[in-house]
C-alpha cells in the first residue's frame, strides 16, 4: 500500500532525467532510420524505372525531374467521371488510391464521397 508513496518521490529524484534522455535517444534513432530509408528510395525506384518512349522521352523526363521521382512500372492512372465507377475503383485498390476531385456543387455524390473519406 505504501509502495506508490515511496516510489514516486524516488522517481522524481533519480529517474526523471534518465527517462527524458531515453526519449531523446529513441527519437534520434527513429529519425536516423527514417533518413536512411529516404536515402535508399532513389535506388529502389531505379530498379523499376520505365523506359520512356522515344518520341516523348524529353518531355516526360522533365516531368519526372519536376516530380523528383522517375516513372515506374506497375502503376495505373484512370480518369473517372462517373460516381459509381469512382467508388468501385476506390474499393478495389490493393495498396493505396490517390484521388483528386473537384466539388462543384453540394449533391448526393459529393456527400457520398465525403462520407467515404471520413471512414
N, C-alpha and C. Protein backbone atom coordinates (compact mmCIF):
# COMPACT_ATOMS: atom_id res chain seq x y z
N UNK A 1 0.82 -1.18 0.00
CA UNK A 1 0.00 0.00 0.00
C UNK A 1 0.87 1.26 0.00
N UNK A 2 1.99 1.23 0.65
CA UNK A 2 2.82 2.43 0.74
C UNK A 2 3.83 2.52 -0.40
N UNK A 3 3.95 1.48 -1.21
CA UNK A 3 4.94 1.49 -2.29
C UNK A 3 4.77 2.68 -3.25
N UNK A 4 3.55 2.99 -3.73
CA UNK A 4 3.43 4.16 -4.61
C UNK A 4 3.89 5.46 -3.95
N UNK A 5 3.66 5.57 -2.67
CA UNK A 5 4.07 6.79 -1.97
C UNK A 5 5.59 6.90 -1.85
N UNK A 6 6.26 5.75 -1.82
CA UNK A 6 7.72 5.75 -1.78
C UNK A 6 8.33 5.84 -3.18
N UNK A 7 7.70 5.18 -4.13
CA UNK A 7 8.27 5.10 -5.47
C UNK A 7 8.21 6.44 -6.20
N UNK A 8 7.14 7.18 -6.05
CA UNK A 8 7.00 8.43 -6.78
C UNK A 8 8.07 9.45 -6.40
N UNK A 9 8.34 9.70 -5.14
CA UNK A 9 9.44 10.64 -4.82
C UNK A 9 10.80 10.13 -5.30
N UNK A 10 11.03 8.82 -5.24
CA UNK A 10 12.30 8.28 -5.73
C UNK A 10 12.43 8.48 -7.24
N UNK A 11 11.33 8.32 -7.95
CA UNK A 11 11.35 8.55 -9.40
C UNK A 11 11.65 10.02 -9.69
N UNK A 12 11.02 10.93 -8.95
CA UNK A 12 11.26 12.35 -9.16
C UNK A 12 12.73 12.71 -8.95
N UNK A 13 13.36 12.07 -7.99
CA UNK A 13 14.75 12.41 -7.67
C UNK A 13 15.72 11.71 -8.61
N UNK A 14 15.52 10.40 -8.85
CA UNK A 14 16.55 9.62 -9.56
C UNK A 14 16.19 9.24 -11.01
N UNK A 15 14.94 9.11 -11.34
CA UNK A 15 14.60 8.53 -12.63
C UNK A 15 14.12 9.48 -13.70
N UNK A 16 13.67 10.65 -13.33
CA UNK A 16 13.05 11.54 -14.30
C UNK A 16 14.01 11.95 -15.41
N UNK A 17 15.23 12.32 -15.09
CA UNK A 17 16.20 12.75 -16.11
C UNK A 17 16.59 11.60 -17.03
N UNK A 18 16.66 10.40 -16.50
CA UNK A 18 17.01 9.25 -17.33
C UNK A 18 15.92 8.96 -18.35
N UNK A 19 14.67 9.13 -17.96
CA UNK A 19 13.57 8.88 -18.89
C UNK A 19 13.59 9.87 -20.04
N UNK A 20 13.84 11.14 -19.75
CA UNK A 20 13.91 12.13 -20.83
C UNK A 20 15.09 11.84 -21.75
N UNK A 21 16.20 11.40 -21.20
CA UNK A 21 17.34 11.01 -22.02
C UNK A 21 17.00 9.83 -22.92
N UNK A 22 16.24 8.88 -22.41
CA UNK A 22 15.80 7.72 -23.19
C UNK A 22 14.94 8.19 -24.37
N UNK A 23 14.03 9.12 -24.13
CA UNK A 23 13.18 9.64 -25.21
C UNK A 23 14.01 10.35 -26.28
N UNK A 24 15.03 11.10 -25.86
CA UNK A 24 15.89 11.79 -26.82
C UNK A 24 16.64 10.79 -27.70
N UNK A 25 17.19 9.74 -27.08
CA UNK A 25 17.93 8.72 -27.83
C UNK A 25 17.00 7.97 -28.78
N UNK A 26 15.81 7.62 -28.30
CA UNK A 26 14.85 6.91 -29.14
C UNK A 26 14.44 7.77 -30.33
N UNK A 27 14.18 9.06 -30.11
CA UNK A 27 13.82 9.95 -31.20
C UNK A 27 14.93 10.08 -32.22
N UNK A 28 16.18 10.15 -31.78
CA UNK A 28 17.32 10.26 -32.69
C UNK A 28 17.46 8.98 -33.52
N UNK A 29 17.26 7.81 -32.90
CA UNK A 29 17.35 6.55 -33.64
C UNK A 29 16.24 6.44 -34.68
N UNK A 30 15.03 6.83 -34.33
CA UNK A 30 13.92 6.78 -35.29
C UNK A 30 14.17 7.74 -36.45
N UNK A 31 14.71 8.91 -36.17
CA UNK A 31 15.00 9.87 -37.24
C UNK A 31 16.09 9.34 -38.16
N UNK A 32 17.13 8.72 -37.59
CA UNK A 32 18.20 8.15 -38.40
C UNK A 32 17.68 7.03 -39.29
N UNK A 33 16.77 6.20 -38.77
CA UNK A 33 16.18 5.12 -39.56
C UNK A 33 15.35 5.69 -40.71
N UNK A 34 14.56 6.72 -40.42
CA UNK A 34 13.75 7.35 -41.48
C UNK A 34 14.64 7.99 -42.53
N UNK A 35 15.72 8.64 -42.11
CA UNK A 35 16.64 9.27 -43.06
C UNK A 35 17.29 8.24 -43.96
N UNK A 36 17.66 7.08 -43.41
CA UNK A 36 18.30 6.04 -44.24
C UNK A 36 17.31 5.45 -45.22
N UNK A 37 16.04 5.32 -44.84
CA UNK A 37 15.04 4.80 -45.77
C UNK A 37 14.78 5.79 -46.90
N UNK A 38 14.74 7.07 -46.59
CA UNK A 38 14.54 8.09 -47.62
C UNK A 38 15.75 8.13 -48.56
N UNK A 39 16.95 7.98 -48.02
CA UNK A 39 18.15 7.99 -48.85
C UNK A 39 18.20 6.78 -49.79
N UNK A 40 17.63 5.66 -49.38
CA UNK A 40 17.65 4.45 -50.20
C UNK A 40 16.55 4.44 -51.25
N UNK A 41 15.58 5.34 -51.16
CA UNK A 41 14.45 5.33 -52.07
C UNK A 41 14.83 5.52 -53.54
N UNK A 42 15.69 6.46 -53.92
CA UNK A 42 16.02 6.60 -55.34
C UNK A 42 16.60 5.31 -55.95
N UNK A 43 17.43 4.62 -55.23
CA UNK A 43 17.99 3.37 -55.75
C UNK A 43 16.91 2.31 -55.93
N UNK A 44 15.97 2.26 -55.00
CA UNK A 44 14.88 1.29 -55.12
C UNK A 44 13.97 1.62 -56.30
N UNK A 45 13.76 2.92 -56.56
CA UNK A 45 12.93 3.31 -57.69
C UNK A 45 13.62 3.04 -59.02
N UNK A 46 14.94 3.16 -59.06
CA UNK A 46 15.67 2.89 -60.30
C UNK A 46 15.48 1.45 -60.75
N UNK A 47 15.26 0.54 -59.82
CA UNK A 47 15.09 -0.87 -60.17
C UNK A 47 13.80 -1.11 -60.95
N UNK A 48 12.81 -0.23 -60.81
CA UNK A 48 11.54 -0.41 -61.51
C UNK A 48 11.26 0.75 -62.48
N UNK A 49 12.31 1.43 -62.89
CA UNK A 49 12.17 2.57 -63.81
C UNK A 49 11.69 2.08 -65.18
N UNK A 50 10.81 2.85 -65.79
CA UNK A 50 10.26 2.53 -67.10
C UNK A 50 11.08 3.24 -68.17
N UNK A 51 11.34 2.54 -69.27
CA UNK A 51 11.99 3.18 -70.41
C UNK A 51 10.94 4.05 -71.10
N UNK A 52 11.28 5.32 -71.28
CA UNK A 52 10.34 6.26 -71.86
C UNK A 52 10.31 6.12 -73.38
N UNK A 53 9.14 6.35 -74.00
CA UNK A 53 9.06 6.25 -75.46
C UNK A 53 9.93 7.30 -76.13
N UNK A 54 10.50 6.95 -77.28
CA UNK A 54 11.45 7.84 -77.96
C UNK A 54 10.84 9.18 -78.32
N UNK A 55 9.64 9.22 -78.80
CA UNK A 55 9.03 10.46 -79.25
C UNK A 55 8.78 11.47 -78.14
N UNK A 56 8.57 11.00 -76.91
CA UNK A 56 8.22 11.91 -75.81
C UNK A 56 9.22 11.82 -74.65
N UNK A 57 10.36 11.23 -74.86
CA UNK A 57 11.30 11.00 -73.76
C UNK A 57 11.73 12.30 -73.09
N UNK A 58 12.03 13.33 -73.86
CA UNK A 58 12.47 14.60 -73.28
C UNK A 58 11.36 15.24 -72.45
N UNK A 59 10.17 15.26 -73.03
CA UNK A 59 9.02 15.87 -72.33
C UNK A 59 8.71 15.14 -71.03
N UNK A 60 8.71 13.82 -71.07
CA UNK A 60 8.40 13.05 -69.88
C UNK A 60 9.53 13.10 -68.85
N UNK A 61 10.76 13.20 -69.31
CA UNK A 61 11.89 13.31 -68.38
C UNK A 61 11.81 14.60 -67.57
N UNK A 62 11.35 15.68 -68.20
CA UNK A 62 11.15 16.94 -67.49
C UNK A 62 10.13 16.75 -66.38
N UNK A 63 9.04 16.07 -66.68
CA UNK A 63 8.02 15.81 -65.66
C UNK A 63 8.55 14.95 -64.52
N UNK A 64 9.37 13.96 -64.85
CA UNK A 64 9.96 13.11 -63.81
C UNK A 64 10.88 13.92 -62.92
N UNK A 65 11.64 14.83 -63.50
CA UNK A 65 12.54 15.67 -62.69
C UNK A 65 11.76 16.64 -61.82
N UNK A 66 10.68 17.19 -62.36
CA UNK A 66 9.84 18.08 -61.56
C UNK A 66 9.23 17.33 -60.37
N UNK A 67 8.83 16.11 -60.59
CA UNK A 67 8.25 15.31 -59.52
C UNK A 67 9.27 14.74 -58.56
N UNK A 68 10.53 14.71 -58.96
CA UNK A 68 11.59 14.21 -58.09
C UNK A 68 11.68 12.70 -58.06
N UNK A 69 10.92 12.00 -58.89
CA UNK A 69 10.97 10.54 -58.96
C UNK A 69 10.84 10.11 -60.42
N UNK A 70 11.44 9.00 -60.79
CA UNK A 70 11.31 8.52 -62.17
C UNK A 70 9.94 7.88 -62.39
N UNK A 71 9.56 7.75 -63.66
CA UNK A 71 8.37 6.97 -63.99
C UNK A 71 8.68 5.51 -63.72
N UNK A 72 7.76 4.83 -63.04
CA UNK A 72 7.99 3.44 -62.66
C UNK A 72 6.87 2.55 -63.19
N UNK A 73 7.16 1.26 -63.30
CA UNK A 73 6.16 0.32 -63.79
C UNK A 73 5.23 -0.12 -62.64
N UNK A 74 4.14 -0.74 -63.01
CA UNK A 74 3.22 -1.27 -62.01
C UNK A 74 2.20 -0.25 -61.52
N UNK A 75 2.11 0.90 -62.17
CA UNK A 75 1.16 1.93 -61.77
C UNK A 75 0.07 2.04 -62.82
N UNK A 76 -1.05 2.61 -62.43
CA UNK A 76 -2.15 2.79 -63.36
C UNK A 76 -2.86 4.09 -63.02
N UNK A 77 -3.21 4.84 -64.04
CA UNK A 77 -3.98 6.07 -63.85
C UNK A 77 -5.21 6.00 -64.74
N UNK A 78 -6.35 6.32 -64.17
CA UNK A 78 -7.61 6.27 -64.90
C UNK A 78 -8.43 7.51 -64.56
N UNK A 79 -8.94 8.17 -65.57
CA UNK A 79 -9.82 9.30 -65.36
C UNK A 79 -11.24 8.77 -65.22
N UNK A 80 -11.83 9.02 -64.07
CA UNK A 80 -13.18 8.54 -63.79
C UNK A 80 -14.10 9.74 -63.63
N UNK A 81 -15.19 9.76 -64.39
CA UNK A 81 -16.13 10.87 -64.30
C UNK A 81 -17.49 10.42 -63.75
N UNK A 82 -17.69 9.14 -63.60
CA UNK A 82 -18.94 8.60 -63.10
C UNK A 82 -18.77 8.24 -61.63
N UNK A 83 -19.70 8.62 -60.79
CA UNK A 83 -19.60 8.37 -59.36
C UNK A 83 -19.50 6.90 -59.01
N UNK A 84 -20.35 6.07 -59.61
CA UNK A 84 -20.33 4.63 -59.30
C UNK A 84 -19.01 3.98 -59.70
N UNK A 85 -18.48 4.37 -60.87
CA UNK A 85 -17.18 3.83 -61.30
C UNK A 85 -16.07 4.27 -60.36
N UNK A 86 -16.14 5.49 -59.88
CA UNK A 86 -15.13 6.01 -58.97
C UNK A 86 -15.14 5.24 -57.66
N UNK A 87 -16.32 5.01 -57.09
CA UNK A 87 -16.40 4.28 -55.83
C UNK A 87 -15.97 2.83 -56.00
N UNK A 88 -16.29 2.22 -57.13
CA UNK A 88 -15.84 0.85 -57.38
C UNK A 88 -14.32 0.78 -57.48
N UNK A 89 -13.71 1.78 -58.13
CA UNK A 89 -12.25 1.80 -58.25
C UNK A 89 -11.60 2.00 -56.89
N UNK A 90 -12.15 2.87 -56.06
CA UNK A 90 -11.58 3.12 -54.73
C UNK A 90 -11.65 1.86 -53.89
N UNK A 91 -12.76 1.17 -53.93
CA UNK A 91 -12.93 -0.04 -53.11
C UNK A 91 -12.10 -1.21 -53.60
N UNK A 92 -11.67 -1.19 -54.87
CA UNK A 92 -10.89 -2.32 -55.39
C UNK A 92 -9.39 -2.10 -55.37
N UNK A 93 -8.92 -0.99 -54.78
CA UNK A 93 -7.49 -0.74 -54.75
C UNK A 93 -6.78 -1.75 -53.86
N UNK A 94 -5.55 -2.08 -54.24
CA UNK A 94 -4.77 -3.05 -53.48
C UNK A 94 -3.94 -2.41 -52.38
N UNK A 95 -3.28 -1.30 -52.67
CA UNK A 95 -2.41 -0.66 -51.68
C UNK A 95 -2.89 0.73 -51.31
N UNK A 96 -2.95 1.61 -52.27
CA UNK A 96 -3.43 2.96 -52.00
C UNK A 96 -4.05 3.52 -53.26
N UNK A 97 -4.84 4.53 -53.08
CA UNK A 97 -5.53 5.16 -54.20
C UNK A 97 -5.39 6.66 -54.04
N UNK A 98 -4.77 7.31 -55.00
CA UNK A 98 -4.63 8.75 -54.99
C UNK A 98 -5.81 9.33 -55.75
N UNK A 99 -6.63 10.10 -55.07
CA UNK A 99 -7.84 10.64 -55.67
C UNK A 99 -7.77 12.16 -55.66
N UNK A 100 -8.02 12.74 -56.81
CA UNK A 100 -8.12 14.19 -56.90
C UNK A 100 -9.50 14.50 -57.45
N UNK A 101 -10.22 15.35 -56.74
CA UNK A 101 -11.57 15.65 -57.19
C UNK A 101 -11.88 17.12 -56.94
N UNK A 102 -12.88 17.58 -57.63
CA UNK A 102 -13.31 18.96 -57.50
C UNK A 102 -14.80 18.96 -57.20
N UNK A 103 -15.18 19.61 -56.14
CA UNK A 103 -16.58 19.68 -55.77
C UNK A 103 -17.15 20.96 -56.37
N UNK A 104 -18.10 20.79 -57.28
CA UNK A 104 -18.70 21.93 -57.95
C UNK A 104 -19.99 22.35 -57.24
N UNK A 105 -20.74 21.37 -56.78
CA UNK A 105 -21.98 21.68 -56.06
C UNK A 105 -22.21 20.63 -54.98
N UNK A 106 -22.98 20.99 -54.00
CA UNK A 106 -23.31 20.09 -52.90
C UNK A 106 -24.45 19.19 -53.36
N UNK A 107 -24.11 17.92 -53.66
CA UNK A 107 -25.14 16.98 -54.09
C UNK A 107 -24.91 15.64 -53.41
N UNK A 108 -25.72 14.66 -53.75
CA UNK A 108 -25.65 13.34 -53.12
C UNK A 108 -24.31 12.66 -53.39
N UNK A 109 -23.77 12.82 -54.60
CA UNK A 109 -22.50 12.19 -54.93
C UNK A 109 -21.36 12.76 -54.09
N UNK A 110 -21.33 14.07 -53.94
CA UNK A 110 -20.30 14.71 -53.12
C UNK A 110 -20.40 14.30 -51.66
N UNK A 111 -21.60 14.21 -51.14
CA UNK A 111 -21.77 13.77 -49.74
C UNK A 111 -21.38 12.31 -49.57
N UNK A 112 -21.66 11.48 -50.60
CA UNK A 112 -21.26 10.06 -50.54
C UNK A 112 -19.74 9.94 -50.52
N UNK A 113 -19.07 10.73 -51.34
CA UNK A 113 -17.61 10.69 -51.37
C UNK A 113 -17.02 11.21 -50.06
N UNK A 114 -17.60 12.26 -49.53
CA UNK A 114 -17.11 12.81 -48.26
C UNK A 114 -17.28 11.77 -47.14
N UNK A 115 -18.39 11.05 -47.13
CA UNK A 115 -18.61 10.01 -46.13
C UNK A 115 -17.59 8.90 -46.27
N UNK A 116 -17.21 8.56 -47.51
CA UNK A 116 -16.20 7.53 -47.75
C UNK A 116 -14.85 7.97 -47.21
N UNK A 117 -14.52 9.24 -47.38
CA UNK A 117 -13.24 9.75 -46.89
C UNK A 117 -13.18 9.81 -45.37
N UNK A 118 -14.31 9.98 -44.72
CA UNK A 118 -14.35 10.11 -43.27
C UNK A 118 -14.28 8.77 -42.54
N UNK A 119 -14.34 7.65 -43.30
CA UNK A 119 -14.27 6.33 -42.66
C UNK A 119 -12.94 6.08 -42.07
